[in-house]
Amino acid sequence: MAELTDSYGRRLNYARISVTDRCNFRCAYCMPTEGIQCLAHDDIMRYEEILFLARNLHELGVGKIRVTGGEPLVRKGLTDFIRELRNMLPDIKITLTTNASLLKQHIRPLADAGINSLNISLDTLDPQKFGKITRLGELQPVLDSIDAAAVSGIDEIKLNTVLIRGFNDTEVEDIIAYANERKILPRFIEFMPLESDVWSKDSFISWAEAAKSMRGAGDWEPEPTSSDDDGPARYYKNSRSGYTVGVISAVSEKFCRGCNRIRISASGNLRTCLFDPSETPLRDLLIARDPRALQERIINTIKNKPRYGEDVRDGALHMSNIGG
C-alpha cells in the first residue's frame, strides 16, 4: 500500500470526512448565534462519491476514516453508508463523531454495521448550562444515548469536552468520574481560536491550569498511546482511582509536528490543515470517477500542507463548515 506523505515527512493516514454541514445544535464555540448558511442539497457529496473517495484514500495509505458533520446522524441513510464502507474496506478503522442527541435510536444499527469507535461531544453535565452552550439541545436524550452506547459492544467510546473558562472548568472531576464509571474515555480539548466571532482569550483555559484545581492532581501518570493513528491526545491514569483521561492541548502545546490528518468537507473540498482556509476541490473528480486524477490531485495538495497551523491561522473559520 502506498503512503501519503507531506513535504515535511509526516505520514498522513487519517482522514476526517464530513457527510453534512447541517446540525441540530448551535454550539456557541462552533458557530455564531445566527447560525451559518447551509449548503444546497446538490452541493453535498453523495454517499457513492464518498465511498469512491474512501477507496482512493485507502489506496494512498489512509487507514482510519472519521465520519463527521455538522451532526452526521441528521443525514438520512448514514448507518447504511457505514455498512457499505465497512464491507468495501474491511481492514479500515471507521469512527464517528456525534453530539449523541440522535444516537440512541441509531446505536444498534451502527454497532451491527461494524463501526470501530465513537467520539461523543459533551461539554457539561448541567442541564441549564447544556441548553446554553448548545442553544437548541436538551441534555437528557444525550445522557440516555451515552448509556446506550456504553453497553452497545462498540470497541472504543470517547467523551470529548471543550474546556471553557467560567463554564465547565469546575466540572472536570465530575466528567472524568461520569465517563469512567461507564467505561468511556473522557478527553478534554483546549478551546481553539478558530472563529474570531465565537472565541476570546477570556474563555480560554489551558489543561494544565484546569488540572491544578483537581483533587490529587499529582496522582495522574502518563499512559502510552496505543497506535500511530491516535492523533494529538495524551493519556493519563490516576494511580488512586484507576480512572483514565485524555488531553488535547491544542493551544498550549502545539501538535503540528506529528499531525497525521486531512479533512474533506461535505462539499468535497480537501483541507490539509484545520487552521488553513485554503481548500482543493475534489468533487469534480469524484463525480467523474477518475481515480488516477483524484489521487494525483490529493498527492499534489498534500505537498502544500503547512508546517505549523500558526503560519496560516486566519481567525475566521467555523468548525461546522470544516467538519471538525
Protein backbone atom coordinates (compact mmCIF):
# COMPACT_ATOMS: atom_id res chain seq x y z
CA MET A 1 0.00 0.00 0.00
CA ALA A 2 1.20 3.50 -0.83
CA GLU A 3 1.93 6.09 1.83
CA LEU A 4 0.58 9.63 1.76
CA THR A 5 3.47 11.77 2.99
CA ASP A 6 3.77 15.55 3.04
CA SER A 7 6.87 17.65 2.30
CA TYR A 8 7.91 17.53 5.98
CA GLY A 9 7.88 13.75 6.12
CA ARG A 10 4.62 13.42 8.04
CA ARG A 11 2.66 10.28 7.15
CA LEU A 12 -0.99 11.19 6.64
CA ASN A 13 -3.02 8.08 7.42
CA TYR A 14 -6.16 9.63 8.95
CA ALA A 15 -8.98 11.33 7.04
CA ARG A 16 -11.93 13.19 8.52
CA ILE A 17 -14.81 13.25 6.05
CA SER A 18 -17.86 15.42 6.63
CA VAL A 19 -21.13 13.96 5.33
CA THR A 20 -23.19 17.08 6.08
CA ASP A 21 -22.78 20.67 7.22
CA ARG A 22 -26.14 20.61 9.00
CA CYS A 23 -26.54 20.24 12.75
CA ASN A 24 -29.46 20.18 15.17
CA PHE A 25 -27.40 22.13 17.73
CA ARG A 26 -25.91 25.63 17.51
CA CYS A 27 -22.99 25.20 19.87
CA ALA A 28 -21.52 28.52 20.95
CA TYR A 29 -17.92 27.55 20.15
CA CYS A 30 -18.82 26.08 16.77
CA MET A 31 -20.90 28.75 15.06
CA PRO A 32 -22.22 32.28 15.63
CA THR A 33 -25.63 32.92 17.22
CA GLU A 34 -27.32 33.50 13.86
CA GLY A 35 -26.07 30.15 12.55
CA ILE A 36 -24.47 29.62 9.15
CA GLN A 37 -25.63 29.43 5.55
CA CYS A 38 -26.05 25.74 4.81
CA LEU A 39 -25.07 24.11 1.54
CA ALA A 40 -27.71 23.34 -1.04
CA HIS A 41 -28.58 19.66 -1.25
CA ASP A 42 -26.95 19.27 -4.67
CA ASP A 43 -23.70 20.75 -3.34
CA ILE A 44 -23.19 17.96 -0.79
CA MET A 45 -21.29 14.82 -1.74
CA ARG A 46 -23.44 11.78 -2.43
CA TYR A 47 -22.67 8.64 -0.48
CA GLU A 48 -21.46 6.93 -3.66
CA GLU A 49 -18.93 9.73 -4.12
CA ILE A 50 -17.71 9.41 -0.54
CA LEU A 51 -17.24 5.66 -0.96
CA PHE A 52 -15.20 6.28 -4.12
CA LEU A 53 -13.15 8.87 -2.22
CA ALA A 54 -12.61 6.49 0.70
CA ARG A 55 -11.38 3.71 -1.56
CA ASN A 56 -8.83 6.00 -3.17
CA LEU A 57 -7.68 7.41 0.16
CA HIS A 58 -7.19 3.87 1.38
CA GLU A 59 -5.06 3.08 -1.68
CA LEU A 60 -2.93 6.09 -0.70
CA GLY A 61 -2.34 4.68 2.77
CA VAL A 62 -5.21 6.08 4.84
CA GLY A 63 -6.13 3.51 7.48
CA LYS A 64 -8.62 5.50 9.54
CA ILE A 65 -11.68 7.44 8.45
CA ARG A 66 -13.70 9.58 10.81
CA VAL A 67 -17.24 10.43 9.70
CA THR A 68 -18.14 13.93 10.86
CA GLY A 69 -20.59 16.77 10.24
CA GLY A 70 -22.25 19.08 11.28
CA GLU A 71 -24.06 16.30 13.05
CA PRO A 72 -23.69 13.23 10.81
CA LEU A 73 -26.75 11.47 12.21
CA VAL A 74 -29.09 14.13 10.79
CA ARG A 75 -28.28 12.79 7.32
CA LYS A 76 -30.61 10.00 6.20
CA GLY A 77 -29.07 6.65 5.37
CA LEU A 78 -25.92 7.13 7.44
CA THR A 79 -25.89 3.67 9.02
CA ASP A 80 -26.36 2.04 5.61
CA PHE A 81 -23.43 4.10 4.34
CA ILE A 82 -21.28 2.96 7.28
CA ARG A 83 -22.16 -0.64 6.48
CA GLU A 84 -21.18 -0.20 2.82
CA LEU A 85 -17.93 1.46 3.84
CA ARG A 86 -17.12 -1.44 6.17
CA ASN A 87 -17.93 -4.04 3.51
CA MET A 88 -15.81 -2.22 0.93
CA LEU A 89 -12.82 -1.65 3.25
CA PRO A 90 -12.92 -4.37 5.91
CA ASP A 91 -9.49 -3.51 7.34
CA ILE A 92 -10.01 0.23 7.81
CA LYS A 93 -10.81 1.85 11.15
CA ILE A 94 -14.17 3.66 10.97
CA THR A 95 -15.10 6.20 13.61
CA LEU A 96 -17.97 8.63 14.08
CA THR A 97 -18.18 11.99 15.84
CA THR A 98 -21.63 12.89 17.17
CA ASN A 99 -23.41 15.14 19.66
CA ALA A 100 -25.38 11.99 20.63
CA SER A 101 -28.78 13.70 20.56
CA LEU A 102 -29.99 11.12 18.00
CA LEU A 103 -27.55 8.35 18.83
CA LYS A 104 -29.78 6.09 20.95
CA GLN A 105 -32.04 5.19 18.01
CA HIS A 106 -29.02 4.51 15.78
CA ILE A 107 -26.66 2.79 18.18
CA ARG A 108 -27.63 -0.82 17.40
CA PRO A 109 -27.50 -0.37 13.58
CA LEU A 110 -24.13 1.39 13.93
CA ALA A 111 -22.73 -1.42 16.06
CA ASP A 112 -24.08 -4.03 13.64
CA ALA A 113 -22.56 -2.12 10.72
CA GLY A 114 -19.12 -2.63 12.22
CA ILE A 115 -18.15 0.84 13.38
CA ASN A 116 -14.98 0.78 15.49
CA SER A 117 -15.36 3.81 17.71
CA LEU A 118 -17.47 6.81 18.66
CA ASN A 119 -16.48 10.30 19.77
CA ILE A 120 -19.33 11.90 21.70
CA SER A 121 -19.30 15.63 22.43
CA LEU A 122 -20.42 16.58 25.95
CA ASP A 123 -19.35 19.88 27.48
CA THR A 124 -21.33 19.86 30.72
CA LEU A 125 -23.45 17.63 32.95
CA ASP A 126 -25.68 20.53 33.97
CA PRO A 127 -29.00 20.73 32.02
CA GLN A 128 -29.21 24.53 32.13
CA LYS A 129 -25.63 25.02 31.04
CA PHE A 130 -26.09 22.39 28.34
CA GLY A 131 -29.03 24.31 26.91
CA LYS A 132 -26.98 27.49 26.98
CA ILE A 133 -23.91 26.08 25.21
CA THR A 134 -25.85 24.13 22.55
CA ARG A 135 -28.58 26.80 22.18
CA LEU A 136 -31.05 24.15 20.93
CA GLY A 137 -30.16 20.96 22.79
CA GLU A 138 -31.56 19.02 25.73
CA LEU A 139 -29.21 17.07 27.98
CA GLN A 140 -31.26 14.00 28.90
CA PRO A 141 -31.50 12.46 25.40
CA VAL A 142 -27.72 12.79 25.14
CA LEU A 143 -27.18 11.08 28.51
CA ASP A 144 -29.60 8.31 27.50
CA SER A 145 -27.65 7.82 24.28
CA ILE A 146 -24.35 7.66 26.14
CA ASP A 147 -25.74 4.94 28.41
CA ALA A 148 -26.94 3.01 25.35
CA ALA A 149 -23.56 3.40 23.67
CA ALA A 150 -21.73 2.18 26.76
CA VAL A 151 -23.42 -1.24 26.51
CA SER A 152 -23.53 -1.45 22.70
CA GLY A 153 -20.38 -3.52 22.28
CA ILE A 154 -18.64 -0.83 20.20
CA ASP A 155 -14.94 -1.20 20.95
CA GLU A 156 -14.00 2.37 21.80
CA ILE A 157 -16.10 5.28 23.02
CA LYS A 158 -14.63 8.68 23.87
CA LEU A 159 -16.32 11.64 25.52
CA ASN A 160 -14.96 14.95 24.22
CA THR A 161 -15.25 18.08 26.34
CA VAL A 162 -14.12 21.52 25.17
CA LEU A 163 -12.63 23.36 28.15
CA ILE A 164 -14.15 26.83 28.60
CA ARG A 165 -13.17 29.11 31.46
CA GLY A 166 -16.08 30.07 33.70
CA PHE A 167 -18.33 27.49 32.06
CA ASN A 168 -17.14 23.93 32.69
CA ASP A 169 -13.66 24.23 34.19
CA THR A 170 -15.09 23.30 37.61
CA GLU A 171 -16.73 20.15 36.22
CA VAL A 172 -13.55 18.35 35.17
CA GLU A 173 -13.58 15.83 38.02
CA ASP A 174 -17.31 15.14 37.65
CA ILE A 175 -16.98 14.49 33.91
CA ILE A 176 -13.99 12.19 34.45
CA ALA A 177 -15.93 10.16 37.02
CA TYR A 178 -19.10 10.09 34.88
CA ALA A 179 -17.24 8.73 31.86
CA ASN A 180 -15.04 6.23 33.68
CA GLU A 181 -17.98 4.77 35.57
CA ARG A 182 -19.39 3.84 32.14
CA LYS A 183 -16.03 2.59 30.86
CA ILE A 184 -15.88 5.53 28.47
CA LEU A 185 -12.70 7.55 27.97
CA PRO A 186 -13.10 11.26 28.77
CA ARG A 187 -10.97 13.71 26.79
CA PHE A 188 -10.55 17.42 27.42
CA ILE A 189 -9.82 19.68 24.46
CA GLU A 190 -8.48 23.19 24.78
CA PHE A 191 -10.70 25.85 23.19
CA MET A 192 -9.07 26.55 19.83
CA PRO A 193 -9.13 30.10 18.37
CA LEU A 194 -10.62 29.18 15.01
CA GLU A 195 -13.53 31.60 14.87
CA SER A 196 -12.87 35.20 15.84
CA ASP A 197 -16.59 35.83 16.46
CA VAL A 198 -17.03 32.97 18.99
CA TRP A 199 -13.60 32.70 20.66
CA SER A 200 -11.99 35.02 23.17
CA LYS A 201 -8.93 34.89 25.40
CA ASP A 202 -11.19 35.25 28.41
CA SER A 203 -12.84 31.91 27.55
CA PHE A 204 -9.60 30.01 27.15
CA ILE A 205 -8.19 27.86 29.92
CA SER A 206 -5.28 25.50 29.41
CA TRP A 207 -5.48 21.90 30.55
CA ALA A 208 -2.55 22.48 32.90
CA GLU A 209 -4.43 25.25 34.69
CA ALA A 210 -7.70 23.33 34.86
CA ALA A 211 -5.95 20.23 36.21
CA LYS A 212 -4.39 22.18 39.09
CA SER A 213 -7.82 22.57 40.68
CA MET A 214 -8.40 18.81 40.75
CA ARG A 215 -8.03 16.81 43.95
CA GLY A 216 -4.99 14.57 43.83
CA ALA A 217 -3.58 16.31 40.76
CA GLY A 218 -0.26 14.58 41.37
CA ASP A 219 -1.78 11.09 41.11
CA TRP A 220 -2.07 11.21 37.31
CA GLU A 221 0.60 9.24 35.44
CA PRO A 222 1.16 9.27 31.66
CA GLU A 223 -0.04 6.30 29.61
CA PRO A 224 1.43 5.18 26.26
CA THR A 225 -0.63 5.69 23.12
CA SER A 226 -1.98 2.53 21.53
CA SER A 227 -1.27 3.21 17.86
CA ASP A 228 0.15 5.69 15.38
CA ASP A 229 -3.31 6.99 14.44
CA ASP A 230 -4.21 8.17 17.95
CA GLY A 231 -3.60 11.76 16.94
CA PRO A 232 -2.62 14.55 19.32
CA ALA A 233 -4.21 13.24 22.52
CA ARG A 234 -2.09 12.36 25.53
CA TYR A 235 -3.47 9.94 28.10
CA TYR A 236 -3.13 9.68 31.86
CA LYS A 237 -4.23 7.20 34.52
CA ASN A 238 -4.92 8.00 38.14
CA SER A 239 -2.93 5.75 40.45
CA ARG A 240 -5.54 6.02 43.21
CA SER A 241 -8.91 5.86 41.43
CA GLY A 242 -7.83 3.93 38.35
CA TYR A 243 -9.62 6.50 36.19
CA THR A 244 -8.18 7.47 32.80
CA VAL A 245 -8.33 10.78 30.96
CA GLY A 246 -7.22 12.09 27.58
CA VAL A 247 -5.94 15.59 26.94
CA ILE A 248 -5.68 17.52 23.67
CA SER A 249 -3.65 20.64 24.45
CA ALA A 250 -4.10 22.12 21.01
CA VAL A 251 -3.23 25.66 22.07
CA SER A 252 -0.76 25.43 24.94
CA GLU A 253 1.20 22.51 23.44
CA LYS A 254 1.11 22.53 19.63
CA PHE A 255 0.98 19.14 17.91
CA CYS A 256 1.57 20.20 14.31
CA ARG A 257 4.87 18.31 14.15
CA GLY A 258 3.08 14.97 14.44
CA CYS A 259 -0.11 15.83 12.55
CA ASN A 260 -1.32 12.81 10.57
CA ARG A 261 -4.68 14.01 9.24
CA ILE A 262 -6.51 15.58 6.36
CA ARG A 263 -10.09 16.85 6.17
CA ILE A 264 -12.68 16.73 3.42
CA SER A 265 -15.72 18.99 3.70
CA ALA A 266 -19.27 17.92 2.88
CA SER A 267 -18.92 19.71 -0.45
CA GLY A 268 -15.86 17.63 -1.34
CA ASN A 269 -13.08 20.13 -0.65
CA LEU A 270 -9.77 18.90 0.74
CA ARG A 271 -8.21 20.83 3.60
CA THR A 272 -4.75 19.82 4.78
CA CYS A 273 -4.74 21.87 8.00
CA LEU A 274 -7.51 22.80 10.42
CA PHE A 275 -6.26 26.40 10.53
CA ASP A 276 -5.60 26.85 6.81
CA PRO A 277 -8.55 28.36 4.89
CA SER A 278 -7.25 27.17 1.52
CA GLU A 279 -9.10 24.20 0.02
CA THR A 280 -8.71 21.97 -3.01
CA PRO A 281 -11.93 20.86 -4.74
CA LEU A 282 -12.19 17.13 -5.35
CA ARG A 283 -15.83 16.69 -6.23
CA ASP A 284 -15.46 17.07 -10.00
CA LEU A 285 -13.18 14.03 -9.98
CA LEU A 286 -15.47 12.15 -7.59
CA ILE A 287 -18.37 12.67 -9.98
CA ALA A 288 -16.20 11.68 -12.94
CA ARG A 289 -14.94 8.60 -11.03
CA ASP A 290 -11.40 9.30 -12.17
CA PRO A 291 -9.12 7.51 -9.66
CA ARG A 292 -5.81 8.43 -11.26
CA ALA A 293 -6.57 12.16 -11.46
CA LEU A 294 -8.11 12.13 -7.98
CA GLN A 295 -5.08 10.54 -6.35
CA GLU A 296 -2.75 12.84 -8.23
CA ARG A 297 -4.64 15.92 -7.05
CA ILE A 298 -4.64 14.70 -3.45
CA ILE A 299 -0.91 13.96 -3.54
CA ASN A 300 -0.12 17.38 -5.04
CA THR A 301 -2.29 19.13 -2.46
CA ILE A 302 -0.65 17.31 0.42
CA LYS A 303 2.71 18.73 -0.64
CA ASN A 304 1.41 22.18 0.39
CA LYS A 305 0.32 21.14 3.88
CA PRO A 306 1.71 23.88 6.15
CA ARG A 307 4.34 23.01 8.69
CA TYR A 308 2.55 24.83 11.51
CA GLY A 309 -1.06 25.93 11.84
CA GLU A 310 0.08 29.21 13.34
CA ASP A 311 1.58 30.13 9.98
CA VAL A 312 -1.83 30.16 8.26
CA ARG A 313 -4.38 30.84 11.00
CA ASP A 314 -6.92 33.44 9.84
CA GLY A 315 -9.34 33.53 12.81
CA ALA A 316 -12.48 33.32 10.67
CA LEU A 317 -13.06 29.59 10.30
CA HIS A 318 -16.25 27.93 11.55
CA MET A 319 -15.81 24.38 12.82
CA SER A 320 -19.23 23.43 11.44
CA ASN A 321 -18.01 24.24 7.92
CA ILE A 322 -14.76 22.32 8.29
CA GLY A 323 -16.12 19.05 9.61
CA GLY A 324 -14.39 19.03 12.98
